[in-house]
Amino acid sequence: MANEIDFLELYRQLRVSPDCDLQTFKQAYRRRVSTLHPDRKLHGYSDSRSAQRLQQLNVQYDAAIEFQRIHGRLPGAPAPARAASAPAGFNPPPRSPSSALPRARRRSNVRWLIPIALAAIVILFWGVSSVAPPSNVSGENAAGDNDASSAEAPAAPMLSLGMSPENVRAIEGNPVAIRDDLWEYGPSWVRFDHGTVVDWYSSPLHSLKTARMRPSSARN
């Protein structure tokens, strides 16, 4: 029946919009009825056209009120946002049994879980400690591993008498300056004679890779 009613004509007569509230719609309807009612005509005169328009207005108004009762809005008004959030026939999922437990019961379960968890930790710690090797054995193994690693590590090459310039360059790197047979490494230096090392001086400010400041033959 609502499809046969011209609600736009109804809103035009009442001078309201479809999205107006229900109270405003009813007040506009009463004002319009008062202008079309035969009792308001002068000398009680009314024509058949006014009576027909009033009858049509009542039919349109009743249809609009029925539509509003079913859908919660007037015909042509936008649907409420809450109606779009939940489609028709939608049922929320059932709550899990755990969420339905009273709060006091859940607190009681937590109290029982704490001692059980502590007991499990103690049992686990006791099992690990019972299978762990003695501390002295682990220390001996660690010391043996350190000795093996230190024995396997090769000793760093050191500067010695009789080395060639290639050996010195591999150990000390390129010199800062070369003056005849004297290679200078800052305040330190290395002296050659016929292509072999015969003397050196290792300054504390720039030490050479040697255990001595001067070779023993040079001091003698």
C-alpha atoms as a PDB file:
ATOM      1  CA  MET A   1       0.000   0.000   0.000  1.00  0.00           C
ATOM      2  CA  ALA A   2       2.898   2.339   0.730  1.00  0.00           C
ATOM      3  CA  ASN A   3       3.993   2.101  -2.906  1.00  0.00           C
ATOM      4  CA  GLU A   4       0.626   3.531  -4.017  1.00  0.00           C
ATOM      5  CA  ILE A   5       0.809   6.585  -1.723  1.00  0.00           C
ATOM      6  CA  ASP A   6       2.362   9.773  -3.055  1.00  0.00           C
ATOM      7  CA  PHE A   7       4.350  10.771   0.008  1.00  0.00           C
ATOM      8  CA  LEU A   8       6.108  13.584  -1.857  1.00  0.00           C
ATOM      9  CA  GLU A   9       2.731  15.212  -2.360  1.00  0.00           C
ATOM     10  CA  LEU A  10       2.041  14.732   1.347  1.00  0.00           C
ATOM     11  CA  TYR A  11       5.286  16.420   2.373  1.00  0.00           C
ATOM     12  CA  ARG A  12       4.592  19.231  -0.092  1.00  0.00           C
ATOM     13  CA  GLN A  13       1.192  19.913   1.434  1.00  0.00           C
ATOM     14  CA  LEU A  14       2.530  19.762   4.986  1.00  0.00           C
ATOM     15  CA  ARG A  15       5.625  21.797   4.043  1.00  0.00           C
ATOM     16  CA  VAL A  16       8.056  19.461   5.827  1.00  0.00           C
ATOM     17  CA  SER A  17      10.949  17.245   4.721  1.00  0.00           C
ATOM     18  CA  PRO A  18      11.013  13.425   4.985  1.00  0.00           C
ATOM     19  CA  ASP A  19      13.785  13.552   7.623  1.00  0.00           C
ATOM     20  CA  CYS A  20      11.823  15.730  10.064  1.00  0.00           C
ATOM     21  CA  ASP A  21      11.009  14.329  13.493  1.00  0.00           C
ATOM     22  CA  LEU A  22       7.647  12.704  14.196  1.00  0.00           C
ATOM     23  CA  GLN A  23       6.378  15.537  16.418  1.00  0.00           C
ATOM     24  CA  THR A  24       7.001  18.129  13.689  1.00  0.00           C
ATOM     25  CA  PHE A  25       5.246  15.883  11.158  1.00  0.00           C
ATOM     26  CA  LYS A  26       2.150  15.509  13.351  1.00  0.00           C
ATOM     27  CA  GLN A  27       1.918  19.247  14.055  1.00  0.00           C
ATOM     28  CA  ALA A  28       2.126  20.037  10.337  1.00  0.00           C
ATOM     29  CA  TYR A  29      -0.630  17.501   9.675  1.00  0.00           C
ATOM     30  CA  ARG A  30      -2.950  19.109  12.262  1.00  0.00           C
ATOM     31  CA  ARG A  31      -2.403  22.549  10.774  1.00  0.00           C
ATOM     32  CA  ARG A  32      -3.232  21.261   7.305  1.00  0.00           C
ATOM     33  CA  VAL A  33      -6.370  19.487   8.539  1.00  0.00           C
ATOM     34  CA  SER A  34      -7.562  22.657  10.205  1.00  0.00           C
ATOM     35  CA  THR A  35      -7.371  24.516   6.894  1.00  0.00           C
ATOM     36  CA  LEU A  36      -9.260  21.818   4.944  1.00  0.00           C
ATOM     37  CA  HIS A  37     -11.887  20.881   7.547  1.00  0.00           C
ATOM     38  CA  PRO A  38     -15.471  21.887   6.582  1.00  0.00           C
ATOM     39  CA  ASP A  39     -16.095  23.474   9.992  1.00  0.00           C
ATOM     40  CA  ARG A  40     -13.511  26.138   9.209  1.00  0.00           C
ATOM     41  CA  LYS A  41     -15.279  27.320   6.066  1.00  0.00           C
ATOM     42  CA  LEU A  42     -17.251  30.572   6.182  1.00  0.00           C
ATOM     43  CA  HIS A  43     -20.989  30.128   6.785  1.00  0.00           C
ATOM     44  CA  GLY A  44     -20.446  26.367   6.887  1.00  0.00           C
ATOM     45  CA  TYR A  45     -19.841  26.285   3.167  1.00  0.00           C
ATOM     46  CA  SER A  46     -17.637  23.471   1.860  1.00  0.00           C
ATOM     47  CA  ASP A  47     -17.160  22.047  -1.538  1.00  0.00           C
ATOM     48  CA  SER A  48     -16.626  18.456  -2.609  1.00  0.00           C
ATOM     49  CA  ARG A  49     -13.065  19.202  -3.694  1.00  0.00           C
ATOM     50  CA  SER A  50     -11.962  20.199  -0.187  1.00  0.00           C
ATOM     51  CA  ALA A  51     -13.596  17.093   1.270  1.00  0.00           C
ATOM     52  CA  GLN A  52     -11.792  14.933  -1.266  1.00  0.00           C
ATOM     53  CA  ARG A  53      -8.441  16.563  -0.510  1.00  0.00           C
ATOM     54  CA  LEU A  54      -8.997  16.080   3.220  1.00  0.00           C
ATOM     55  CA  GLN A  55      -9.837  12.406   2.703  1.00  0.00           C
ATOM     56  CA  GLN A  56      -6.715  11.902   0.586  1.00  0.00           C
ATOM     57  CA  LEU A  57      -4.607  13.693   3.213  1.00  0.00           C
ATOM     58  CA  ASN A  58      -5.892  11.350   5.934  1.00  0.00           C
ATOM     59  CA  VAL A  59      -5.041   8.293   3.857  1.00  0.00           C
ATOM     60  CA  GLN A  60      -1.509   9.565   3.197  1.00  0.00           C
ATOM     61  CA  TYR A  61      -0.995  10.482   6.840  1.00  0.00           C
ATOM     62  CA  ASP A  62      -2.172   7.074   8.115  1.00  0.00           C
ATOM     63  CA  ALA A  63       0.143   5.300   5.661  1.00  0.00           C
ATOM     64  CA  ALA A  64       3.099   7.443   6.746  1.00  0.00           C
ATOM     65  CA  ILE A  65       2.411   6.780  10.444  1.00  0.00           C
ATOM     66  CA  GLU A  66       2.171   3.040   9.791  1.00  0.00           C
ATOM     67  CA  PHE A  67       5.457   3.114   7.875  1.00  0.00           C
ATOM     68  CA  GLN A  68       7.102   4.983  10.738  1.00  0.00           C
ATOM     69  CA  ARG A  69       5.819   2.456  13.286  1.00  0.00           C
ATOM     70  CA  ILE A  70       7.316  -0.462  11.312  1.00  0.00           C
ATOM     71  CA  HIS A  71      10.611   1.043  10.153  1.00  0.00           C
ATOM     72  CA  GLY A  72      11.273   3.688  12.804  1.00  0.00           C
ATOM     73  CA  ARG A  73      11.407   6.515  10.232  1.00  0.00           C
ATOM     74  CA  LEU A  74       9.133   8.378   7.844  1.00  0.00           C
ATOM     75  CA  PRO A  75       8.927   7.294   4.188  1.00  0.00           C
ATOM     76  CA  GLY A  76      11.859   8.684   2.238  1.00  0.00           C
ATOM     77  CA  ALA A  77      13.973   9.451   5.335  1.00  0.00           C
ATOM     78  CA  PRO A  78      17.473   7.872   5.587  1.00  0.00           C
ATOM     79  CA  ALA A  79      17.681   4.663   7.573  1.00  0.00           C
ATOM     80  CA  PRO A  80      19.133   4.961  11.085  1.00  0.00           C
ATOM     81  CA  ALA A  81      22.810   4.041  11.409  1.00  0.00           C
ATOM     82  CA  ARG A  82      22.071   1.367  14.006  1.00  0.00           C
ATOM     83  CA  ALA A  83      19.900  -0.528  11.542  1.00  0.00           C
ATOM     84  CA  ALA A  84      22.834  -0.845   9.113  1.00  0.00           C
ATOM     85  CA  SER A  85      25.243  -2.134  11.748  1.00  0.00           C
ATOM     86  CA  ALA A  86      23.358  -5.388  12.378  1.00  0.00           C
ATOM     87  CA  PRO A  87      21.715  -7.106   9.362  1.00  0.00           C
ATOM     88  CA  ALA A  88      18.363  -8.780   9.731  1.00  0.00           C
ATOM     89  CA  GLY A  89      18.520 -12.302  11.090  1.00  0.00           C
ATOM     90  CA  PHE A  90      21.980 -11.793  12.604  1.00  0.00           C
ATOM     91  CA  ASN A  91      22.527 -13.620  15.843  1.00  0.00           C
ATOM     92  CA  PRO A  92      25.615 -12.871  17.957  1.00  0.00           C
ATOM     93  CA  PRO A  93      27.905 -15.865  18.581  1.00  0.00           C
ATOM     94  CA  PRO A  94      27.313 -17.677  21.861  1.00  0.00           C
ATOM     95  CA  ARG A  95      29.589 -16.758  24.698  1.00  0.00           C
ATOM     96  CA  SER A  96      32.222 -19.265  25.678  1.00  0.00           C
ATOM     97  CA  PRO A  97      31.681 -21.153  28.943  1.00  0.00           C
ATOM     98  CA  SER A  98      34.785 -19.569  30.465  1.00  0.00           C
ATOM     99  CA  SER A  99      33.407 -16.051  29.982  1.00  0.00           C
ATOM    100  CA  ALA A 100      30.157 -17.053  31.666  1.00  0.00           C
ATOM    101  CA  LEU A 101      31.903 -18.105  34.874  1.00  0.00           C
ATOM    102  CA  PRO A 102      31.260 -15.811  37.828  1.00  0.00           C
ATOM    103  CA  ARG A 103      34.141 -13.576  38.772  1.00  0.00           C
ATOM    104  CA  ALA A 104      34.483 -15.156  42.203  1.00  0.00           C
ATOM    105  CA  ARG A 105      34.803 -18.625  40.692  1.00  0.00           C
ATOM    106  CA  ARG A 106      37.508 -17.475  38.289  1.00  0.00           C
ATOM    107  CA  ARG A 107      39.461 -15.925  41.176  1.00  0.00           C
ATOM    108  CA  SER A 108      39.221 -19.236  43.038  1.00  0.00           C
ATOM    109  CA  ASN A 109      40.659 -21.076  40.033  1.00  0.00           C
ATOM    110  CA  VAL A 110      43.586 -18.639  39.918  1.00  0.00           C
ATOM    111  CA  ARG A 111      44.374 -19.327  43.594  1.00  0.00           C
ATOM    112  CA  TRP A 112      44.568 -23.040  42.863  1.00  0.00           C
ATOM    113  CA  LEU A 113      46.781 -22.556  39.817  1.00  0.00           C
ATOM    114  CA  ILE A 114      49.494 -20.611  41.681  1.00  0.00           C
ATOM    115  CA  PRO A 115      50.656 -23.457  44.000  1.00  0.00           C
ATOM    116  CA  ILE A 116      50.461 -25.947  41.134  1.00  0.00           C
ATOM    117  CA  ALA A 117      52.725 -23.741  39.003  1.00  0.00           C
ATOM    118  CA  LEU A 118      55.203 -23.320  41.884  1.00  0.00           C
ATOM    119  CA  ALA A 119      55.336 -27.076  42.408  1.00  0.00           C
ATOM    120  CA  ALA A 120      56.009 -27.642  38.713  1.00  0.00           C
ATOM    121  CA  ILE A 121      58.899 -25.125  38.786  1.00  0.00           C
ATOM    122  CA  VAL A 122      60.468 -26.840  41.814  1.00  0.00           C
ATOM    123  CA  ILE A 123      60.213 -30.285  40.179  1.00  0.00           C
ATOM    124  CA  LEU A 124      61.734 -28.965  36.953  1.00  0.00           C
ATOM    125  CA  PHE A 125      64.615 -27.269  38.785  1.00  0.00           C
ATOM    126  CA  TRP A 126      65.344 -30.423  40.824  1.00  0.00           C
ATOM    127  CA  GLY A 127      65.427 -32.549  37.661  1.00  0.00           C
ATOM    128  CA  VAL A 128      67.853 -30.211  35.901  1.00  0.00           C
ATOM    129  CA  SER A 129      70.185 -29.978  38.897  1.00  0.00           C
ATOM    130  CA  SER A 130      70.245 -33.768  39.320  1.00  0.00           C
ATOM    131  CA  VAL A 131      71.486 -34.370  35.783  1.00  0.00           C
ATOM    132  CA  ALA A 132      73.946 -31.434  35.692  1.00  0.00           C
ATOM    133  CA  PRO A 133      77.667 -32.453  35.687  1.00  0.00           C
ATOM    134  CA  PRO A 134      79.821 -31.633  38.730  1.00  0.00           C
ATOM    135  CA  SER A 135      81.210 -28.133  38.838  1.00  0.00           C
ATOM    136  CA  ASN A 136      84.861 -29.283  39.020  1.00  0.00           C
ATOM    137  CA  VAL A 137      84.457 -31.359  35.879  1.00  0.00           C
ATOM    138  CA  SER A 138      83.029 -28.424  33.980  1.00  0.00           C
ATOM    139  CA  GLY A 139      85.877 -26.238  35.272  1.00  0.00           C
ATOM    140  CA  GLU A 140      88.476 -28.785  34.180  1.00  0.00           C
ATOM    141  CA  ASN A 141      86.876 -29.053  30.766  1.00  0.00           C
ATOM    142  CA  ALA A 142      86.822 -25.266  30.457  1.00  0.00           C
ATOM    143  CA  ALA A 143      90.478 -25.047  31.490  1.00  0.00           C
ATOM    144  CA  GLY A 144      91.371 -27.804  29.031  1.00  0.00           C
ATOM    145  CA  ASP A 145      89.543 -26.007  26.253  1.00  0.00           C
ATOM    146  CA  ASN A 146      91.375 -22.764  27.072  1.00  0.00           C
ATOM    147  CA  ASP A 147      94.739 -24.550  27.078  1.00  0.00           C
ATOM    148  CA  ALA A 148      93.945 -26.242  23.775  1.00  0.00           C
ATOM    149  CA  SER A 149      92.839 -22.987  22.188  1.00  0.00           C
ATOM    150  CA  SER A 150      95.947 -21.161  23.454  1.00  0.00           C
ATOM    151  CA  ALA A 151      98.202 -23.980  22.249  1.00  0.00           C
ATOM    152  CA  GLU A 152      96.602 -24.002  18.826  1.00  0.00           C
ATOM    153  CA  ALA A 153      96.892 -20.206  18.347  1.00  0.00           C
ATOM    154  CA  PRO A 154     100.117 -19.438  16.415  1.00  0.00           C
ATOM    155  CA  ALA A 155     102.537 -16.913  17.869  1.00  0.00           C
ATOM    156  CA  ALA A 156     102.640 -13.514  16.193  1.00  0.00           C
ATOM    157  CA  PRO A 157     105.839 -12.909  14.145  1.00  0.00           C
ATOM    158  CA  MET A 158     108.377 -10.697  15.896  1.00  0.00           C
ATOM    159  CA  LEU A 159     111.184  -8.550  14.568  1.00  0.00           C
ATOM    160  CA  SER A 160     114.593 -10.287  14.784  1.00  0.00           C
ATOM    161  CA  LEU A 161     118.141  -9.862  13.495  1.00  0.00           C
ATOM    162  CA  GLY A 162     118.952 -11.147  10.044  1.00  0.00           C
ATOM    163  CA  MET A 163     115.445 -10.522   8.621  1.00  0.00           C
ATOM    164  CA  SER A 164     115.059  -9.316   5.051  1.00  0.00           C
ATOM    165  CA  PRO A 165     113.307  -6.073   4.138  1.00  0.00           C
ATOM    166  CA  GLU A 166     110.327  -8.124   2.896  1.00  0.00           C
ATOM    167  CA  ASN A 167     109.968  -9.771   6.323  1.00  0.00           C
ATOM    168  CA  VAL A 168     110.179  -6.414   8.088  1.00  0.00           C
ATOM    169  CA  ARG A 169     107.600  -4.904   5.724  1.00  0.00           C
ATOM    170  CA  ALA A 170     105.246  -7.872   6.392  1.00  0.00           C
ATOM    171  CA  ILE A 171     105.596  -7.400  10.169  1.00  0.00           C
ATOM    172  CA  GLU A 172     105.805  -3.617  10.597  1.00  0.00           C
ATOM    173  CA  GLY A 173     104.252  -2.382   7.364  1.00  0.00           C
ATOM    174  CA  ASN A 174     105.600   0.338   5.111  1.00  0.00           C
ATOM    175  CA  PRO A 175     108.027   2.740   6.845  1.00  0.00           C
ATOM    176  CA  VAL A 176     107.282   6.433   7.214  1.00  0.00           C
ATOM    177  CA  ALA A 177     110.633   7.315   5.610  1.00  0.00           C
ATOM    178  CA  ILE A 178     113.684   5.465   4.190  1.00  0.00           C
ATOM    179  CA  ARG A 179     117.142   7.021   4.591  1.00  0.00           C
ATOM    180  CA  ASP A 180     119.748   4.791   2.923  1.00  0.00           C
ATOM    181  CA  ASP A 181     119.718   1.608   5.058  1.00  0.00           C
ATOM    182  CA  LEU A 182     117.563   3.151   7.827  1.00  0.00           C
ATOM    183  CA  TRP A 183     113.793   2.617   7.843  1.00  0.00           C
ATOM    184  CA  GLU A 184     111.988   5.082  10.091  1.00  0.00           C
ATOM    185  CA  TYR A 185     108.684   4.306  11.821  1.00  0.00           C
ATOM    186  CA  GLY A 186     108.090   7.612  13.563  1.00  0.00           C
ATOM    187  CA  PRO A 187     110.473   7.779  16.548  1.00  0.00           C
ATOM    188  CA  SER A 188     111.362   4.073  16.027  1.00  0.00           C
ATOM    189  CA  TRP A 189     113.688   2.767  13.294  1.00  0.00           C
ATOM    190  CA  VAL A 190     115.188  -0.396  11.752  1.00  0.00           C
ATOM    191  CA  ARG A 191     118.731  -0.523  10.261  1.00  0.00           C
ATOM    192  CA  PHE A 192     119.842  -2.888   7.458  1.00  0.00           C
ATOM    193  CA  ASP A 193     123.291  -3.962   6.339  1.00  0.00           C
ATOM    194  CA  HIS A 194     123.627  -5.839   3.032  1.00  0.00           C
ATOM    195  CA  GLY A 195     119.868  -6.487   2.977  1.00  0.00           C
ATOM    196  CA  THR A 196     119.477  -7.901   6.526  1.00  0.00           C
ATOM    197  CA  VAL A 197     118.433  -6.397   9.848  1.00  0.00           C
ATOM    198  CA  VAL A 198     121.401  -5.510  12.027  1.00  0.00           C
ATOM    199  CA  ASP A 199     119.872  -3.059  14.515  1.00  0.00           C
ATOM    200  CA  TRP A 200     116.633  -1.360  15.566  1.00  0.00           C
ATOM    201  CA  TYR A 201     115.192   1.027  18.142  1.00  0.00           C
ATOM    202  CA  SER A 202     111.632   0.580  19.493  1.00  0.00           C
ATOM    203  CA  SER A 203     110.326   3.835  20.989  1.00  0.00           C
ATOM    204  CA  PRO A 204     107.552   3.699  23.614  1.00  0.00           C
ATOM    205  CA  LEU A 205     105.732   6.329  21.542  1.00  0.00           C
ATOM    206  CA  HIS A 206     105.589   3.988  18.522  1.00  0.00           C
ATOM    207  CA  SER A 207     106.663   0.500  19.546  1.00  0.00           C
ATOM    208  CA  LEU A 208     107.899  -2.022  17.025  1.00  0.00           C
ATOM    209  CA  LYS A 209     106.675  -5.609  17.093  1.00  0.00           C
ATOM    210  CA  THR A 210     109.538  -6.887  19.228  1.00  0.00           C
ATOM    211  CA  ALA A 211     110.041  -7.816  22.877  1.00  0.00           C
ATOM    212  CA  ARG A 212     113.200  -5.679  23.227  1.00  0.00           C
ATOM    213  CA  MET A 213     113.820  -1.996  22.733  1.00  0.00           C
ATOM    214  CA  ARG A 214     117.212  -2.750  21.137  1.00  0.00           C
ATOM    215  CA  PRO A 215     118.638  -6.099  19.993  1.00  0.00           C
ATOM    216  CA  SER A 216     121.111  -7.687  22.409  1.00  0.00           C
ATOM    217  CA  SER A 217     123.980  -7.520  19.909  1.00  0.00           C
ATOM    218  CA  ALA A 218     123.505  -3.765  19.512  1.00  0.00           C
ATOM    219  CA  ARG A 219     123.724  -3.200  23.284  1.00  0.00           C
ATOM    220  CA  ASN A 220     126.953  -5.215  23.414  1.00  0.00           C
END
